């Protein structure tokens, strides 16, 4: 969601599923799903449906269905967030390390980076399975800092999701909010700065 428009694809998958099931009302996508691993998102969806007396499939069935549809969509092409190609070289020239901390699975991330020729910008990826707990828990960012041997004052995060910003906050890291996709349009007052896309980023 900070480099490519993946959350738009995920929302299409979730909305399609719940529409087919005639779920009453709209699923609060940004709160339940964005920034989380698929497993964490699915647990949230099941709890949300249960609270409303609505039965959906088991976690295993949902995981298989969502992952299959999501992969089909991103393999058809995922659009870059505007300005990414212009700003990544400049950021890399001023950083000791650049990495990706994500709730997505590693093969998905690698496929997307490779398709847009972005892999060489990043020293490392921390994906699903590389840390103990999903965002909004601080575990993903704490794990990355531990592995890099740095502390929160040495790091800067770029985030688009509520779960990701809360994870960053709990890890004590400052962040820039990329408010490009629909789920992230509400500014978080704790953000250093809120950008509509990467073209607005001024690097000192």
C-alpha atoms as a PDB file:
ATOM      1  CA  UNK A   1       0.000   0.000   0.000  1.00  0.00           C
ATOM      2  CA  UNK A   2       2.960   2.391   0.234  1.00  0.00           C
ATOM      3  CA  UNK A   3       4.660   1.393  -3.029  1.00  0.00           C
ATOM      4  CA  UNK A   4       1.853  -0.174  -5.075  1.00  0.00           C
ATOM      5  CA  UNK A   5      -1.947  -0.120  -4.966  1.00  0.00           C
ATOM      6  CA  UNK A   6      -2.348  -3.569  -3.411  1.00  0.00           C
ATOM      7  CA  UNK A   7      -5.034  -2.597  -0.915  1.00  0.00           C
ATOM      8  CA  UNK A   8      -7.403  -1.648  -3.724  1.00  0.00           C
ATOM      9  CA  UNK A   9      -7.099  -5.208  -5.036  1.00  0.00           C
ATOM     10  CA  UNK A  10      -7.615  -6.726  -1.589  1.00  0.00           C
ATOM     11  CA  UNK A  11     -10.721  -4.605  -1.060  1.00  0.00           C
ATOM     12  CA  UNK A  12     -12.163  -5.795  -4.358  1.00  0.00           C
ATOM     13  CA  UNK A  13     -11.697  -9.405  -3.233  1.00  0.00           C
ATOM     14  CA  UNK A  14     -13.264  -8.839   0.200  1.00  0.00           C
ATOM     15  CA  UNK A  15     -16.187  -6.773  -1.117  1.00  0.00           C
ATOM     16  CA  UNK A  16     -16.919  -9.380  -3.793  1.00  0.00           C
ATOM     17  CA  UNK A  17     -17.016 -12.194  -1.237  1.00  0.00           C
ATOM     18  CA  UNK A  18     -19.306 -10.426   1.224  1.00  0.00           C
ATOM     19  CA  UNK A  19     -21.599  -9.196  -1.563  1.00  0.00           C
ATOM     20  CA  UNK A  20     -22.011 -12.795  -2.749  1.00  0.00           C
ATOM     21  CA  UNK A  21     -22.952 -13.800   0.791  1.00  0.00           C
ATOM     22  CA  UNK A  22     -25.481 -10.931   1.038  1.00  0.00           C
ATOM     23  CA  UNK A  23     -23.731  -9.582   4.122  1.00  0.00           C
ATOM     24  CA  UNK A  24     -25.786  -6.734   5.634  1.00  0.00           C
ATOM     25  CA  UNK A  25     -23.915  -3.429   5.521  1.00  0.00           C
ATOM     26  CA  UNK A  26     -20.369  -2.675   4.449  1.00  0.00           C
ATOM     27  CA  UNK A  27     -17.310  -4.336   5.969  1.00  0.00           C
ATOM     28  CA  UNK A  28     -15.026  -1.707   7.613  1.00  0.00           C
ATOM     29  CA  UNK A  29     -12.097  -2.632   5.385  1.00  0.00           C
ATOM     30  CA  UNK A  30      -9.560  -0.130   6.750  1.00  0.00           C
ATOM     31  CA  UNK A  31     -10.105  -1.192  10.363  1.00  0.00           C
ATOM     32  CA  UNK A  32     -10.281  -4.967   9.955  1.00  0.00           C
ATOM     33  CA  UNK A  33      -8.009  -5.794   7.054  1.00  0.00           C
ATOM     34  CA  UNK A  34      -5.544  -3.164   5.841  1.00  0.00           C
ATOM     35  CA  UNK A  35      -1.956  -3.592   6.978  1.00  0.00           C
ATOM     36  CA  UNK A  36      -2.542  -6.998   8.554  1.00  0.00           C
ATOM     37  CA  UNK A  37      -1.502 -10.478   7.490  1.00  0.00           C
ATOM     38  CA  UNK A  38      -4.210 -12.480   5.731  1.00  0.00           C
ATOM     39  CA  UNK A  39      -4.519 -14.727   8.799  1.00  0.00           C
ATOM     40  CA  UNK A  40      -5.032 -11.752  11.133  1.00  0.00           C
ATOM     41  CA  UNK A  41      -7.466 -10.102   8.708  1.00  0.00           C
ATOM     42  CA  UNK A  42      -9.487 -13.296   8.367  1.00  0.00           C
ATOM     43  CA  UNK A  43      -9.743 -13.688  12.139  1.00  0.00           C
ATOM     44  CA  UNK A  44     -11.014 -10.104  12.340  1.00  0.00           C
ATOM     45  CA  UNK A  45     -13.594 -10.733   9.607  1.00  0.00           C
ATOM     46  CA  UNK A  46     -14.895 -13.890  11.265  1.00  0.00           C
ATOM     47  CA  UNK A  47     -15.223 -12.110  14.634  1.00  0.00           C
ATOM     48  CA  UNK A  48     -16.951  -9.158  12.955  1.00  0.00           C
ATOM     49  CA  UNK A  49     -19.440 -11.451  11.204  1.00  0.00           C
ATOM     50  CA  UNK A  50     -20.046 -13.496  14.384  1.00  0.00           C
ATOM     51  CA  UNK A  51     -20.823 -10.352  16.373  1.00  0.00           C
ATOM     52  CA  UNK A  52     -23.575  -9.616  13.860  1.00  0.00           C
ATOM     53  CA  UNK A  53     -24.962 -13.130  13.875  1.00  0.00           C
ATOM     54  CA  UNK A  54     -23.775 -13.794  10.326  1.00  0.00           C
ATOM     55  CA  UNK A  55     -22.029 -17.058   9.492  1.00  0.00           C
ATOM     56  CA  UNK A  56     -19.196 -17.125   6.961  1.00  0.00           C
ATOM     57  CA  UNK A  57     -16.744 -19.837   5.923  1.00  0.00           C
ATOM     58  CA  UNK A  58     -14.026 -21.298   8.132  1.00  0.00           C
ATOM     59  CA  UNK A  59     -10.663 -19.564   8.417  1.00  0.00           C
ATOM     60  CA  UNK A  60      -8.988 -22.162   6.174  1.00  0.00           C
ATOM     61  CA  UNK A  61     -11.655 -21.832   3.479  1.00  0.00           C
ATOM     62  CA  UNK A  62     -11.527 -18.035   3.568  1.00  0.00           C
ATOM     63  CA  UNK A  63      -7.739 -18.010   3.431  1.00  0.00           C
ATOM     64  CA  UNK A  64      -7.727 -20.229   0.347  1.00  0.00           C
ATOM     65  CA  UNK A  65     -10.454 -18.258  -1.429  1.00  0.00           C
ATOM     66  CA  UNK A  66      -9.054 -14.801  -0.680  1.00  0.00           C
ATOM     67  CA  UNK A  67      -5.463 -15.714  -1.481  1.00  0.00           C
ATOM     68  CA  UNK A  68      -6.428 -17.344  -4.771  1.00  0.00           C
ATOM     69  CA  UNK A  69      -8.470 -14.356  -5.970  1.00  0.00           C
ATOM     70  CA  UNK A  70      -5.940 -11.817  -4.691  1.00  0.00           C
ATOM     71  CA  UNK A  71      -3.034 -13.490  -6.467  1.00  0.00           C
ATOM     72  CA  UNK A  72      -5.011 -13.658  -9.691  1.00  0.00           C
ATOM     73  CA  UNK A  73      -5.580  -9.919  -9.467  1.00  0.00           C
ATOM     74  CA  UNK A  74      -2.029  -8.822  -8.635  1.00  0.00           C
ATOM     75  CA  UNK A  75      -0.580 -11.136 -11.300  1.00  0.00           C
ATOM     76  CA  UNK A  76      -2.629  -9.174 -13.828  1.00  0.00           C
ATOM     77  CA  UNK A  77      -0.687  -6.072 -12.792  1.00  0.00           C
ATOM     78  CA  UNK A  78      -0.454  -3.733  -9.819  1.00  0.00           C
ATOM     79  CA  UNK A  79      -0.092   0.022 -10.284  1.00  0.00           C
ATOM     80  CA  UNK A  80       2.677   1.968  -8.578  1.00  0.00           C
ATOM     81  CA  UNK A  81       1.822   4.779  -6.187  1.00  0.00           C
ATOM     82  CA  UNK A  82       2.632   7.995  -8.138  1.00  0.00           C
ATOM     83  CA  UNK A  83       6.156   9.305  -7.576  1.00  0.00           C
ATOM     84  CA  UNK A  84       7.699   6.050  -6.301  1.00  0.00           C
ATOM     85  CA  UNK A  85      10.127   5.674  -9.193  1.00  0.00           C
ATOM     86  CA  UNK A  86      11.305   9.266  -8.829  1.00  0.00           C
ATOM     87  CA  UNK A  87      11.825   9.191  -5.046  1.00  0.00           C
ATOM     88  CA  UNK A  88      13.263   5.727  -4.326  1.00  0.00           C
ATOM     89  CA  UNK A  89      16.717   6.455  -5.830  1.00  0.00           C
ATOM     90  CA  UNK A  90      16.997   9.631  -3.761  1.00  0.00           C
ATOM     91  CA  UNK A  91      15.897   7.879  -0.576  1.00  0.00           C
ATOM     92  CA  UNK A  92      18.332   5.026  -1.165  1.00  0.00           C
ATOM     93  CA  UNK A  93      21.234   7.440  -1.645  1.00  0.00           C
ATOM     94  CA  UNK A  94      20.557   8.943   1.800  1.00  0.00           C
ATOM     95  CA  UNK A  95      19.859   5.699   3.700  1.00  0.00           C
ATOM     96  CA  UNK A  96      22.103   3.021   5.152  1.00  0.00           C
ATOM     97  CA  UNK A  97      19.396   0.397   4.702  1.00  0.00           C
ATOM     98  CA  UNK A  98      15.999   0.341   3.049  1.00  0.00           C
ATOM     99  CA  UNK A  99      13.683  -2.560   3.784  1.00  0.00           C
ATOM    100  CA  UNK A 100      10.066  -3.638   3.553  1.00  0.00           C
ATOM    101  CA  UNK A 101       8.060  -4.649   6.629  1.00  0.00           C
ATOM    102  CA  UNK A 102       4.782  -6.131   5.456  1.00  0.00           C
ATOM    103  CA  UNK A 103       1.915  -8.425   6.338  1.00  0.00           C
ATOM    104  CA  UNK A 104       2.000  -9.907   2.841  1.00  0.00           C
ATOM    105  CA  UNK A 105       3.653 -13.205   2.005  1.00  0.00           C
ATOM    106  CA  UNK A 106       7.214 -13.082   0.722  1.00  0.00           C
ATOM    107  CA  UNK A 107       6.557 -14.527  -2.719  1.00  0.00           C
ATOM    108  CA  UNK A 108       3.852 -11.930  -3.384  1.00  0.00           C
ATOM    109  CA  UNK A 109       6.147  -9.071  -2.382  1.00  0.00           C
ATOM    110  CA  UNK A 110       9.038 -10.395  -4.436  1.00  0.00           C
ATOM    111  CA  UNK A 111       6.802 -10.874  -7.485  1.00  0.00           C
ATOM    112  CA  UNK A 112       5.507  -7.303  -7.299  1.00  0.00           C
ATOM    113  CA  UNK A 113       8.973  -5.799  -6.746  1.00  0.00           C
ATOM    114  CA  UNK A 114      10.399  -7.813  -9.610  1.00  0.00           C
ATOM    115  CA  UNK A 115       7.598  -6.841 -11.990  1.00  0.00           C
ATOM    116  CA  UNK A 116       8.335  -3.143 -11.382  1.00  0.00           C
ATOM    117  CA  UNK A 117      12.134  -3.610 -11.116  1.00  0.00           C
ATOM    118  CA  UNK A 118      12.258  -2.290  -7.559  1.00  0.00           C
ATOM    119  CA  UNK A 119      14.050  -5.188  -5.849  1.00  0.00           C
ATOM    120  CA  UNK A 120      17.501  -3.593  -5.879  1.00  0.00           C
ATOM    121  CA  UNK A 121      16.349  -0.696  -3.706  1.00  0.00           C
ATOM    122  CA  UNK A 122      15.714  -2.896  -0.674  1.00  0.00           C
ATOM    123  CA  UNK A 123      18.262  -4.653   1.510  1.00  0.00           C
ATOM    124  CA  UNK A 124      15.746  -6.975   3.104  1.00  0.00           C
ATOM    125  CA  UNK A 125      12.068  -7.938   3.349  1.00  0.00           C
ATOM    126  CA  UNK A 126      10.287  -8.840   6.582  1.00  0.00           C
ATOM    127  CA  UNK A 127       7.111 -10.605   5.465  1.00  0.00           C
ATOM    128  CA  UNK A 128       4.456 -12.847   6.982  1.00  0.00           C
ATOM    129  CA  UNK A 129       6.152 -15.479   9.159  1.00  0.00           C
ATOM    130  CA  UNK A 130       9.261 -13.402   9.887  1.00  0.00           C
ATOM    131  CA  UNK A 131       7.919 -11.924  13.139  1.00  0.00           C
ATOM    132  CA  UNK A 132       5.765 -13.117  16.020  1.00  0.00           C
ATOM    133  CA  UNK A 133       2.653 -10.934  15.789  1.00  0.00           C
ATOM    134  CA  UNK A 134       0.943  -9.027  12.972  1.00  0.00           C
ATOM    135  CA  UNK A 135       0.535  -5.254  12.830  1.00  0.00           C
ATOM    136  CA  UNK A 136      -0.810  -3.322  14.781  1.00  0.00           C
ATOM    137  CA  UNK A 137       1.466  -5.150  17.217  1.00  0.00           C
ATOM    138  CA  UNK A 138       4.974  -3.579  17.199  1.00  0.00           C
ATOM    139  CA  UNK A 139       6.588  -6.980  16.588  1.00  0.00           C
ATOM    140  CA  UNK A 140       7.214  -6.496  12.822  1.00  0.00           C
ATOM    141  CA  UNK A 141       9.141  -3.235  13.278  1.00  0.00           C
ATOM    142  CA  UNK A 142      10.900  -4.355  16.458  1.00  0.00           C
ATOM    143  CA  UNK A 143      12.071  -7.472  14.602  1.00  0.00           C
ATOM    144  CA  UNK A 144      13.401  -5.407  11.703  1.00  0.00           C
ATOM    145  CA  UNK A 145      15.288  -3.044  14.027  1.00  0.00           C
ATOM    146  CA  UNK A 146      16.749  -5.961  15.953  1.00  0.00           C
ATOM    147  CA  UNK A 147      17.946  -7.638  12.756  1.00  0.00           C
ATOM    148  CA  UNK A 148      19.497  -4.414  11.465  1.00  0.00           C
ATOM    149  CA  UNK A 149      21.042  -3.527  14.813  1.00  0.00           C
ATOM    150  CA  UNK A 150      19.444  -0.083  14.923  1.00  0.00           C
ATOM    151  CA  UNK A 151      17.099   1.753  17.270  1.00  0.00           C
ATOM    152  CA  UNK A 152      13.935   3.765  16.726  1.00  0.00           C
ATOM    153  CA  UNK A 153      15.805   7.062  16.452  1.00  0.00           C
ATOM    154  CA  UNK A 154      17.730   5.692  13.464  1.00  0.00           C
ATOM    155  CA  UNK A 155      14.611   4.636  11.576  1.00  0.00           C
ATOM    156  CA  UNK A 156      11.861   6.238   9.530  1.00  0.00           C
ATOM    157  CA  UNK A 157       8.760   4.373   8.399  1.00  0.00           C
ATOM    158  CA  UNK A 158       6.446   5.042   5.452  1.00  0.00           C
ATOM    159  CA  UNK A 159       2.960   3.715   6.212  1.00  0.00           C
ATOM    160  CA  UNK A 160      -0.503   3.752   4.669  1.00  0.00           C
ATOM    161  CA  UNK A 161      -2.605   1.708   7.095  1.00  0.00           C
ATOM    162  CA  UNK A 162      -4.039   2.309  10.547  1.00  0.00           C
ATOM    163  CA  UNK A 163      -2.587  -1.010  11.710  1.00  0.00           C
ATOM    164  CA  UNK A 164       0.832  -0.102  10.312  1.00  0.00           C
ATOM    165  CA  UNK A 165       0.878   3.351  11.880  1.00  0.00           C
ATOM    166  CA  UNK A 166      -0.110   1.917  15.249  1.00  0.00           C
ATOM    167  CA  UNK A 167       2.626  -0.710  14.913  1.00  0.00           C
ATOM    168  CA  UNK A 168       5.160   2.018  14.172  1.00  0.00           C
ATOM    169  CA  UNK A 169       3.921   4.126  17.087  1.00  0.00           C
ATOM    170  CA  UNK A 170       4.198   1.238  19.534  1.00  0.00           C
ATOM    171  CA  UNK A 171       7.712   0.503  18.263  1.00  0.00           C
ATOM    172  CA  UNK A 172       8.618   4.145  18.915  1.00  0.00           C
ATOM    173  CA  UNK A 173       9.419   4.939  15.268  1.00  0.00           C
ATOM    174  CA  UNK A 174       8.382   8.128  13.503  1.00  0.00           C
ATOM    175  CA  UNK A 175       6.515   7.726  10.234  1.00  0.00           C
ATOM    176  CA  UNK A 176       5.318   9.437   7.074  1.00  0.00           C
ATOM    177  CA  UNK A 177       1.732   8.642   6.080  1.00  0.00           C
ATOM    178  CA  UNK A 178       1.094   7.851   2.412  1.00  0.00           C
ATOM    179  CA  UNK A 179      -2.594   8.770   2.070  1.00  0.00           C
ATOM    180  CA  UNK A 180      -3.135   7.679  -1.520  1.00  0.00           C
ATOM    181  CA  UNK A 181      -5.644   4.827  -1.448  1.00  0.00           C
ATOM    182  CA  UNK A 182      -9.161   5.198  -0.064  1.00  0.00           C
ATOM    183  CA  UNK A 183      -8.427   3.395   3.210  1.00  0.00           C
ATOM    184  CA  UNK A 184      -5.743   5.925   4.220  1.00  0.00           C
ATOM    185  CA  UNK A 185      -7.278   9.288   3.349  1.00  0.00           C
ATOM    186  CA  UNK A 186      -7.934  10.244   6.972  1.00  0.00           C
ATOM    187  CA  UNK A 187      -4.746  11.907   8.287  1.00  0.00           C
ATOM    188  CA  UNK A 188      -3.244  10.510  11.472  1.00  0.00           C
ATOM    189  CA  UNK A 189      -2.231  13.519  13.614  1.00  0.00           C
ATOM    190  CA  UNK A 190       0.762  11.580  14.940  1.00  0.00           C
ATOM    191  CA  UNK A 191       2.331  11.359  11.471  1.00  0.00           C
ATOM    192  CA  UNK A 192       5.377  13.490  10.734  1.00  0.00           C
ATOM    193  CA  UNK A 193       3.744  14.472   7.468  1.00  0.00           C
ATOM    194  CA  UNK A 194       0.829  13.200   5.371  1.00  0.00           C
ATOM    195  CA  UNK A 195       1.409  12.836   1.624  1.00  0.00           C
ATOM    196  CA  UNK A 196      -1.140  12.132  -1.088  1.00  0.00           C
ATOM    197  CA  UNK A 197       1.593  10.446  -3.080  1.00  0.00           C
ATOM    198  CA  UNK A 198       5.393  10.235  -3.253  1.00  0.00           C
ATOM    199  CA  UNK A 199       5.713  13.248  -5.550  1.00  0.00           C
ATOM    200  CA  UNK A 200       4.978  15.495  -2.546  1.00  0.00           C
ATOM    201  CA  UNK A 201       7.943  14.158  -0.548  1.00  0.00           C
ATOM    202  CA  UNK A 202      10.770  16.648  -0.076  1.00  0.00           C
ATOM    203  CA  UNK A 203      13.986  14.954   1.038  1.00  0.00           C
ATOM    204  CA  UNK A 204      16.490  17.066   2.973  1.00  0.00           C
END
